[in-house]
Amino acid sequence: FLFYIRSHLPLADSFGLAHDLRSAASGQVLFHCAFSHWEQSEEDPFQEASLTAEELEELGENPLPPNIARKLIDAIRKRKGL
C-alpha cells in the first residue's frame, strides 16, 4: 500500500518527525519536508523588557509566565546549546 500524507506544521515541531515515522513503520517510509511559508508571531517573546518600573513592581517575585514565542526561542537555544 502507498499512502501520501501532506500537512503543514511548525518547523519546531518537525524535528525528529522523520525518525518517529520510520520507527512507527519499521523503516518503510520515504520522508520529504519542504518549506512552505512563515508567519510572524503576534506574541512578544521578551515581554518583560517592555514593562515599566511600576508594572515590574506590581509583579513582585512572580515573573510573567513564558508565552509560546518565548518557549520556542528557549527550545531553540537549548537545542543549540546556548
PDB file of N, CA and C in Angstrom:
ATOM      1  N   PHE A   1       0.834  -1.181   0.000  1.00  0.00           N
ATOM      2  CA  PHE A   1       0.000   0.000   0.000  1.00  0.00           C
ATOM      3  C   PHE A   1       0.876   1.242   0.000  1.00  0.00           C
ATOM      4  N   LEU A   2       0.378   2.276  -0.632  1.00  0.00           N
ATOM      5  CA  LEU A   2       1.098   3.542  -0.677  1.00  0.00           C
ATOM      6  C   LEU A   2       0.190   4.630  -0.143  1.00  0.00           C
ATOM      7  N   PHE A   3       0.674   5.344   0.823  1.00  0.00           N
ATOM      8  CA  PHE A   3      -0.073   6.461   1.397  1.00  0.00           C
ATOM      9  C   PHE A   3       0.713   7.733   1.164  1.00  0.00           C
ATOM     10  N   TYR A   4       0.017   8.782   0.803  1.00  0.00           N
ATOM     11  CA  TYR A   4       0.620  10.095   0.601  1.00  0.00           C
ATOM     12  C   TYR A   4      -0.012  11.027   1.618  1.00  0.00           C
ATOM     13  N   ILE A   5       0.802  11.548   2.505  1.00  0.00           N
ATOM     14  CA  ILE A   5       0.304  12.445   3.551  1.00  0.00           C
ATOM     15  C   ILE A   5       0.923  13.816   3.342  1.00  0.00           C
ATOM     16  N   ARG A   6       0.095  14.822   3.280  1.00  0.00           N
ATOM     17  CA  ARG A   6       0.576  16.186   3.109  1.00  0.00           C
ATOM     18  C   ARG A   6       0.049  17.012   4.273  1.00  0.00           C
ATOM     19  N   SER A   7       0.933  17.760   4.894  1.00  0.00           N
ATOM     20  CA  SER A   7       0.497  18.570   6.032  1.00  0.00           C
ATOM     21  C   SER A   7       1.376  19.802   6.169  1.00  0.00           C
ATOM     22  N   HIS A   8       0.888  20.744   6.929  1.00  0.00           N
ATOM     23  CA  HIS A   8       1.653  21.933   7.291  1.00  0.00           C
ATOM     24  C   HIS A   8       1.831  21.864   8.800  1.00  0.00           C
ATOM     25  N   LEU A   9       3.065  21.999   9.246  1.00  0.00           N
ATOM     26  CA  LEU A   9       3.314  22.017  10.675  1.00  0.00           C
ATOM     27  C   LEU A   9       4.445  22.982  10.970  1.00  0.00           C
ATOM     28  N   PRO A  10       4.471  23.506  12.170  1.00  0.00           N
ATOM     29  CA  PRO A  10       5.548  24.433  12.533  1.00  0.00           C
ATOM     30  C   PRO A  10       6.901  23.741  12.455  1.00  0.00           C
ATOM     31  N   LEU A  11       7.896  24.476  12.025  1.00  0.00           N
ATOM     32  CA  LEU A  11       9.236  23.920  11.880  1.00  0.00           C
ATOM     33  C   LEU A  11       9.720  23.310  13.185  1.00  0.00           C
ATOM     34  N   ALA A  12       9.461  23.970  14.284  1.00  0.00           N
ATOM     35  CA  ALA A  12       9.925  23.465  15.579  1.00  0.00           C
ATOM     36  C   ALA A  12       9.341  22.090  15.884  1.00  0.00           C
ATOM     37  N   ASP A  13       8.153  21.802  15.378  1.00  0.00           N
ATOM     38  CA  ASP A  13       7.519  20.509  15.621  1.00  0.00           C
ATOM     39  C   ASP A  13       7.992  19.431  14.652  1.00  0.00           C
ATOM     40  N   SER A  14       8.741  19.818  13.621  1.00  0.00           N
ATOM     41  CA  SER A  14       9.157  18.840  12.618  1.00  0.00           C
ATOM     42  C   SER A  14      10.452  18.117  12.981  1.00  0.00           C
ATOM     43  N   PHE A  15      11.178  18.610  13.982  1.00  0.00           N
ATOM     44  CA  PHE A  15      12.424  17.956  14.374  1.00  0.00           C
ATOM     45  C   PHE A  15      12.119  16.591  14.965  1.00  0.00           C
ATOM     46  N   GLY A  16      12.738  15.571  14.419  1.00  0.00           N
ATOM     47  CA  GLY A  16      12.526  14.206  14.884  1.00  0.00           C
ATOM     48  C   GLY A  16      11.346  13.513  14.236  1.00  0.00           C
ATOM     49  N   LEU A  17      10.602  14.212  13.386  1.00  0.00           N
ATOM     50  CA  LEU A  17       9.413  13.628  12.764  1.00  0.00           C
ATOM     51  C   LEU A  17       9.781  12.455  11.843  1.00  0.00           C
ATOM     52  N   ALA A  18      10.818  12.609  11.046  1.00  0.00           N
ATOM     53  CA  ALA A  18      11.217  11.533  10.131  1.00  0.00           C
ATOM     54  C   ALA A  18      11.579  10.278  10.917  1.00  0.00           C
ATOM     55  N   HIS A  19      12.326  10.437  11.987  1.00  0.00           N
ATOM     56  CA  HIS A  19      12.704   9.292  12.819  1.00  0.00           C
ATOM     57  C   HIS A  19      11.472   8.633  13.424  1.00  0.00           C
ATOM     58  N   ASP A  20      10.549   9.438  13.935  1.00  0.00           N
ATOM     59  CA  ASP A  20       9.327   8.890  14.536  1.00  0.00           C
ATOM     60  C   ASP A  20       8.495   8.113  13.517  1.00  0.00           C
ATOM     61  N   LEU A  21       8.366   8.669  12.303  1.00  0.00           N
ATOM     62  CA  LEU A  21       7.590   7.986  11.257  1.00  0.00           C
ATOM     63  C   LEU A  21       8.253   6.670  10.846  1.00  0.00           C
ATOM     64  N   ARG A  22       9.567   6.719  10.654  1.00  0.00           N
ATOM     65  CA  ARG A  22      10.270   5.499  10.259  1.00  0.00           C
ATOM     66  C   ARG A  22      10.213   4.443  11.352  1.00  0.00           C
ATOM     67  N   SER A  23      10.303   4.866  12.602  1.00  0.00           N
ATOM     68  CA  SER A  23      10.218   3.917  13.717  1.00  0.00           C
ATOM     69  C   SER A  23       8.844   3.260  13.771  1.00  0.00           C
ATOM     70  N   ALA A  24       7.816   4.054  13.555  1.00  0.00           N
ATOM     71  CA  ALA A  24       6.453   3.524  13.609  1.00  0.00           C
ATOM     72  C   ALA A  24       6.151   2.596  12.439  1.00  0.00           C
ATOM     73  N   ALA A  25       6.852   2.787  11.321  1.00  0.00           N
ATOM     74  CA  ALA A  25       6.586   1.983  10.117  1.00  0.00           C
ATOM     75  C   ALA A  25       7.714   1.010   9.821  1.00  0.00           C
ATOM     76  N   SER A  26       8.527   0.697  10.791  1.00  0.00           N
ATOM     77  CA  SER A  26       9.642  -0.249  10.627  1.00  0.00           C
ATOM     78  C   SER A  26      10.561   0.133   9.468  1.00  0.00           C
ATOM     79  N   GLY A  27      10.784   1.436   9.287  1.00  0.00           N
ATOM     80  CA  GLY A  27      11.704   1.909   8.259  1.00  0.00           C
ATOM     81  C   GLY A  27      11.139   1.987   6.861  1.00  0.00           C
ATOM     82  N   GLN A  28       9.894   1.646   6.673  1.00  0.00           N
ATOM     83  CA  GLN A  28       9.278   1.618   5.337  1.00  0.00           C
ATOM     84  C   GLN A  28       8.640   2.962   4.979  1.00  0.00           C
ATOM     85  N   VAL A  29       9.370   4.051   5.216  1.00  0.00           N
ATOM     86  CA  VAL A  29       8.824   5.387   4.981  1.00  0.00           C
ATOM     87  C   VAL A  29       9.799   6.196   4.143  1.00  0.00           C
ATOM     88  N   LEU A  30       9.288   6.861   3.136  1.00  0.00           N
ATOM     89  CA  LEU A  30      10.045   7.871   2.406  1.00  0.00           C
ATOM     90  C   LEU A  30       9.547   9.209   2.920  1.00  0.00           C
ATOM     91  N   PHE A  31      10.455  10.034   3.397  1.00  0.00           N
ATOM     92  CA  PHE A  31      10.070  11.290   4.040  1.00  0.00           C
ATOM     93  C   PHE A  31      10.665  12.452   3.278  1.00  0.00           C
ATOM     94  N   HIS A  32       9.848  13.441   2.987  1.00  0.00           N
ATOM     95  CA  HIS A  32      10.306  14.657   2.323  1.00  0.00           C
ATOM     96  C   HIS A  32       9.663  15.829   3.025  1.00  0.00           C
ATOM     97  N   CYS A  33      10.472  16.824   3.345  1.00  0.00           N
ATOM     98  CA  CYS A  33       9.985  18.009   4.037  1.00  0.00           C
ATOM     99  C   CYS A  33      10.428  19.232   3.237  1.00  0.00           C
ATOM    100  N   ALA A  34       9.515  20.154   2.982  1.00  0.00           N
ATOM    101  CA  ALA A  34       9.843  21.350   2.212  1.00  0.00           C
ATOM    102  C   ALA A  34       9.220  22.574   2.867  1.00  0.00           C
ATOM    103  N   PHE A  35       9.925  23.690   2.823  1.00  0.00           N
ATOM    104  CA  PHE A  35       9.432  24.944   3.391  1.00  0.00           C
ATOM    105  C   PHE A  35       8.237  25.428   2.594  1.00  0.00           C
ATOM    106  N   SER A  36       7.214  25.873   3.282  1.00  0.00           N
ATOM    107  CA  SER A  36       6.018  26.361   2.621  1.00  0.00           C
ATOM    108  C   SER A  36       5.851  27.872   2.808  1.00  0.00           C
ATOM    109  N   HIS A  37       5.813  28.319   4.039  1.00  0.00           N
ATOM    110  CA  HIS A  37       5.597  29.730   4.329  1.00  0.00           C
ATOM    111  C   HIS A  37       5.975  30.010   5.779  1.00  0.00           C
ATOM    112  N   TRP A  38       5.938  31.266   6.155  1.00  0.00           N
ATOM    113  CA  TRP A  38       6.187  31.629   7.539  1.00  0.00           C
ATOM    114  C   TRP A  38       5.152  32.647   7.972  1.00  0.00           C
ATOM    115  N   GLU A  39       4.947  32.720   9.256  1.00  0.00           N
ATOM    116  CA  GLU A  39       4.046  33.708   9.837  1.00  0.00           C
ATOM    117  C   GLU A  39       4.745  34.342  11.023  1.00  0.00           C
ATOM    118  N   GLN A  40       4.551  35.622  11.181  1.00  0.00           N
ATOM    119  CA  GLN A  40       5.136  36.309  12.317  1.00  0.00           C
ATOM    120  C   GLN A  40       4.227  36.153  13.527  1.00  0.00           C
ATOM    121  N   SER A  41       4.826  35.811  14.639  1.00  0.00           N
ATOM    122  CA  SER A  41       4.060  35.649  15.869  1.00  0.00           C
ATOM    123  C   SER A  41       3.649  37.021  16.390  1.00  0.00           C
ATOM    124  N   GLU A  42       2.448  37.090  16.915  1.00  0.00           N
ATOM    125  CA  GLU A  42       1.979  38.356  17.473  1.00  0.00           C
ATOM    126  C   GLU A  42       2.378  38.499  18.934  1.00  0.00           C
ATOM    127  N   GLU A  43       2.941  37.443  19.519  1.00  0.00           N
ATOM    128  CA  GLU A  43       3.380  37.497  20.902  1.00  0.00           C
ATOM    129  C   GLU A  43       4.781  38.081  20.981  1.00  0.00           C
ATOM    130  N   ASP A  44       5.055  38.764  22.064  1.00  0.00           N
ATOM    131  CA  ASP A  44       6.382  39.320  22.313  1.00  0.00           C
ATOM    132  C   ASP A  44       7.153  38.339  23.195  1.00  0.00           C
ATOM    133  N   PRO A  45       8.200  37.701  22.660  1.00  0.00           N
ATOM    134  CA  PRO A  45       8.931  36.728  23.463  1.00  0.00           C
ATOM    135  C   PRO A  45       9.707  37.376  24.612  1.00  0.00           C
ATOM    136  N   PHE A  46       9.945  38.654  24.526  1.00  0.00           N
ATOM    137  CA  PHE A  46      10.687  39.371  25.563  1.00  0.00           C
ATOM    138  C   PHE A  46       9.795  40.426  26.207  1.00  0.00           C
ATOM    139  N   GLN A  47       8.603  40.003  26.603  1.00  0.00           N
ATOM    140  CA  GLN A  47       7.617  40.941  27.125  1.00  0.00           C
ATOM    141  C   GLN A  47       8.078  41.648  28.395  1.00  0.00           C
ATOM    142  N   GLU A  48       8.914  40.996  29.205  1.00  0.00           N
ATOM    143  CA  GLU A  48       9.352  41.626  30.445  1.00  0.00           C
ATOM    144  C   GLU A  48      10.240  42.843  30.179  1.00  0.00           C
ATOM    145  N   ALA A  49      10.890  42.876  29.012  1.00  0.00           N
ATOM    146  CA  ALA A  49      11.751  44.011  28.674  1.00  0.00           C
ATOM    147  C   ALA A  49      10.949  45.265  28.355  1.00  0.00           C
ATOM    148  N   SER A  50       9.677  45.095  27.996  1.00  0.00           N
ATOM    149  CA  SER A  50       8.862  46.254  27.634  1.00  0.00           C
ATOM    150  C   SER A  50       7.992  46.752  28.788  1.00  0.00           C
ATOM    151  N   LEU A  51       8.142  46.151  29.968  1.00  0.00           N
ATOM    152  CA  LEU A  51       7.348  46.572  31.123  1.00  0.00           C
ATOM    153  C   LEU A  51       7.959  47.807  31.769  1.00  0.00           C
ATOM    154  N   THR A  52       7.090  48.638  32.329  1.00  0.00           N
ATOM    155  CA  THR A  52       7.556  49.815  33.056  1.00  0.00           C
ATOM    156  C   THR A  52       7.989  49.401  34.451  1.00  0.00           C
ATOM    157  N   ALA A  53       8.656  50.304  35.143  1.00  0.00           N
ATOM    158  CA  ALA A  53       9.111  50.022  36.507  1.00  0.00           C
ATOM    159  C   ALA A  53       7.925  49.723  37.421  1.00  0.00           C
ATOM    160  N   GLU A  54       6.818  50.425  37.221  1.00  0.00           N
ATOM    161  CA  GLU A  54       5.626  50.207  38.036  1.00  0.00           C
ATOM    162  C   GLU A  54       5.042  48.811  37.796  1.00  0.00           C
ATOM    163  N   GLU A  55       5.010  48.395  36.530  1.00  0.00           N
ATOM    164  CA  GLU A  55       4.480  47.070  36.204  1.00  0.00           C
ATOM    165  C   GLU A  55       5.373  45.972  36.787  1.00  0.00           C
ATOM    166  N   LEU A  56       6.677  46.174  36.733  1.00  0.00           N
ATOM    167  CA  LEU A  56       7.600  45.210  37.318  1.00  0.00           C
ATOM    168  C   LEU A  56       7.419  45.122  38.830  1.00  0.00           C
ATOM    169  N   GLU A  57       7.184  46.272  39.449  1.00  0.00           N
ATOM    170  CA  GLU A  57       6.972  46.294  40.898  1.00  0.00           C
ATOM    171  C   GLU A  57       5.687  45.562  41.273  1.00  0.00           C
ATOM    172  N   GLU A  58       4.649  45.703  40.445  1.00  0.00           N
ATOM    173  CA  GLU A  58       3.376  45.018  40.694  1.00  0.00           C
ATOM    174  C   GLU A  58       3.542  43.498  40.606  1.00  0.00           C
ATOM    175  N   LEU A  59       4.396  43.044  39.699  1.00  0.00           N
ATOM    176  CA  LEU A  59       4.634  41.607  39.556  1.00  0.00           C
ATOM    177  C   LEU A  59       5.344  41.040  40.781  1.00  0.00           C
ATOM    178  N   GLY A  60       6.213  41.840  41.359  1.00  0.00           N
ATOM    179  CA  GLY A  60       6.948  41.394  42.537  1.00  0.00           C
ATOM    180  C   GLY A  60       7.822  40.202  42.214  1.00  0.00           C
ATOM    181  N   GLU A  61       7.714  39.168  43.044  1.00  0.00           N
ATOM    182  CA  GLU A  61       8.527  37.971  42.882  1.00  0.00           C
ATOM    183  C   GLU A  61       7.956  37.012  41.836  1.00  0.00           C
ATOM    184  N   ASN A  62       6.742  37.278  41.357  1.00  0.00           N
ATOM    185  CA  ASN A  62       6.082  36.380  40.391  1.00  0.00           C
ATOM    186  C   ASN A  62       6.400  36.831  38.971  1.00  0.00           C
ATOM    187  N   PRO A  63       7.302  36.140  38.290  1.00  0.00           N
ATOM    188  CA  PRO A  63       7.612  36.531  36.910  1.00  0.00           C
ATOM    189  C   PRO A  63       6.443  36.206  35.977  1.00  0.00           C
ATOM    190  N   LEU A  64       6.493  36.815  34.816  1.00  0.00           N
ATOM    191  CA  LEU A  64       5.470  36.534  33.809  1.00  0.00           C
ATOM    192  C   LEU A  64       5.613  35.100  33.316  1.00  0.00           C
ATOM    193  N   PRO A  65       4.518  34.414  33.089  1.00  0.00           N
ATOM    194  CA  PRO A  65       4.636  33.056  32.532  1.00  0.00           C
ATOM    195  C   PRO A  65       5.128  33.148  31.086  1.00  0.00           C
ATOM    196  N   PRO A  66       5.999  32.229  30.677  1.00  0.00           N
ATOM    197  CA  PRO A  66       6.506  32.295  29.294  1.00  0.00           C
ATOM    198  C   PRO A  66       5.389  32.026  28.287  1.00  0.00           C
ATOM    199  N   ASN A  67       5.362  32.834  27.246  1.00  0.00           N
ATOM    200  CA  ASN A  67       4.363  32.630  26.194  1.00  0.00           C
ATOM    201  C   ASN A  67       4.923  31.669  25.144  1.00  0.00           C
ATOM    202  N   ILE A  68       4.147  31.377  24.129  1.00  0.00           N
ATOM    203  CA  ILE A  68       4.545  30.402  23.111  1.00  0.00           C
ATOM    204  C   ILE A  68       5.813  30.849  22.385  1.00  0.00           C
ATOM    205  N   ALA A  69       5.908  32.135  22.057  1.00  0.00           N
ATOM    206  CA  ALA A  69       7.087  32.636  21.346  1.00  0.00           C
ATOM    207  C   ALA A  69       8.343  32.464  22.197  1.00  0.00           C
ATOM    208  N   ARG A  70       8.249  32.753  23.488  1.00  0.00           N
ATOM    209  CA  ARG A  70       9.414  32.620  24.373  1.00  0.00           C
ATOM    210  C   ARG A  70       9.793  31.144  24.543  1.00  0.00           C
ATOM    211  N   LYS A  71       8.799  30.265  24.659  1.00  0.00           N
ATOM    212  CA  LYS A  71       9.075  28.837  24.780  1.00  0.00           C
ATOM    213  C   LYS A  71       9.800  28.326  23.538  1.00  0.00           C
ATOM    214  N   LEU A  72       9.405  28.817  22.361  1.00  0.00           N
ATOM    215  CA  LEU A  72      10.046  28.413  21.110  1.00  0.00           C
ATOM    216  C   LEU A  72      11.503  28.860  21.083  1.00  0.00           C
ATOM    217  N   ILE A  73      11.754  30.098  21.461  1.00  0.00           N
ATOM    218  CA  ILE A  73      13.123  30.616  21.484  1.00  0.00           C
ATOM    219  C   ILE A  73      13.969  29.845  22.493  1.00  0.00           C
ATOM    220  N   ASP A  74      13.415  29.571  23.672  1.00  0.00           N
ATOM    221  CA  ASP A  74      14.150  28.816  24.692  1.00  0.00           C
ATOM    222  C   ASP A  74      14.479  27.405  24.204  1.00  0.00           C
ATOM    223  N   ALA A  75      13.548  26.762  23.501  1.00  0.00           N
ATOM    224  CA  ALA A  75      13.788  25.408  22.977  1.00  0.00           C
ATOM    225  C   ALA A  75      14.888  25.421  21.917  1.00  0.00           C
ATOM    226  N   ILE A  76      14.896  26.439  21.056  1.00  0.00           N
ATOM    227  CA  ILE A  76      15.931  26.550  20.023  1.00  0.00           C
ATOM    228  C   ILE A  76      17.295  26.763  20.672  1.00  0.00           C
ATOM    229  N   ARG A  77      17.345  27.641  21.668  1.00  0.00           N
ATOM    230  CA  ARG A  77      18.611  27.898  22.361  1.00  0.00           C
ATOM    231  C   ARG A  77      19.113  26.633  23.063  1.00  0.00           C
ATOM    232  N   LYS A  78      18.204  25.884  23.665  1.00  0.00           N
ATOM    233  CA  LYS A  78      18.606  24.660  24.350  1.00  0.00           C
ATOM    234  C   LYS A  78      19.145  23.634  23.341  1.00  0.00           C
ATOM    235  N   ARG A  79      18.454  23.487  22.200  1.00  0.00           N
ATOM    236  CA  ARG A  79      18.883  22.543  21.173  1.00  0.00           C
ATOM    237  C   ARG A  79      20.257  22.904  20.622  1.00  0.00           C
ATOM    238  N   LYS A  80      20.541  24.215  20.534  1.00  0.00           N
ATOM    239  CA  LYS A  80      21.825  24.665  20.001  1.00  0.00           C
ATOM    240  C   LYS A  80      22.901  24.765  21.075  1.00  0.00           C
ATOM    241  N   GLY A  81      22.527  24.495  22.321  1.00  0.00           N
ATOM    242  CA  GLY A  81      23.496  24.559  23.416  1.00  0.00           C
ATOM    243  C   GLY A  81      23.854  25.969  23.833  1.00  0.00           C
ATOM    244  N   LEU A  82      22.936  26.897  23.659  1.00  0.00           N
ATOM    245  CA  LEU A  82      23.202  28.299  24.036  1.00  0.00           C
ATOM    246  C   LEU A  82      22.655  28.619  25.405  1.00  0.00           C
TER     247      LEU A  82
END
